[in-house]
């Protein structure tokens, strides 16, 4: 009797696998939303016809209840997002693709029924970035979003709100809104402002990663543009939102 071949166990994809996202938006235009002051003065109504990747508090600017979720994303590295009111008001209810770093797994019970996926952070974010799709940049959420845009095949990637500077001591667009519209951070009291010292540190760290991302984009025949008015980030080509929407 012929001996039956031993069945090999089925190999399961890791829960952080992002291979299904590779080139799903091949050749499309993408807007990555930061949270810098310049966002307070932009008309974003037309960007939602394209791929949009929102980060952290820029979730408040997204019309999540309209249209298809296929081209809408929210992504974050920062577990402190869970301490802000915008997370529960805007992100949890969002009709979109949601991605958070593996460090969020400790809060799985709180987010498990809200369509979140995990990504693994890169151990190194220096030039060159290799093995696209297995891990994402993790120094802060905007670099993560840029690499996600490259992974999904977006041809032209436009950055909004990536100012990396303070305006009148304000680091975020919502600080230019009436105070009653500000998001609140749990246990920090009313009208809490992000700490400037921490923000400046992140800005400096991001520059190194932006250089690596530009090199990656060049290899993949992608182009990254900075549409943020007055931004101090000079790694990427500068343009305006009006030009980006043409």
Foldseek 3Di string as FASTA:
>chain_A
DDDDDDDDDDDDDPLQFQLVLFQQVAAWEEEEEDFFQLVLPDDCVLRVVTQYEYEQPCLVVDPQVDDAQARYEYEWADPLSVQKPCCVVRVQPGRYAYEYEPVCVVVCVVRVVRRYGYFYEDPDLAPADDDQRRHAHRLTTRRRVLSSCVRNNHAEYEYENQQLDDDVNAGGNCVPPPQVPDIDGHPPDGPDGPDPVVSNVSSVVVLRNLLNSCVVCVVSNHAYEYQYPNHPRPSHHYDHPVVSSD
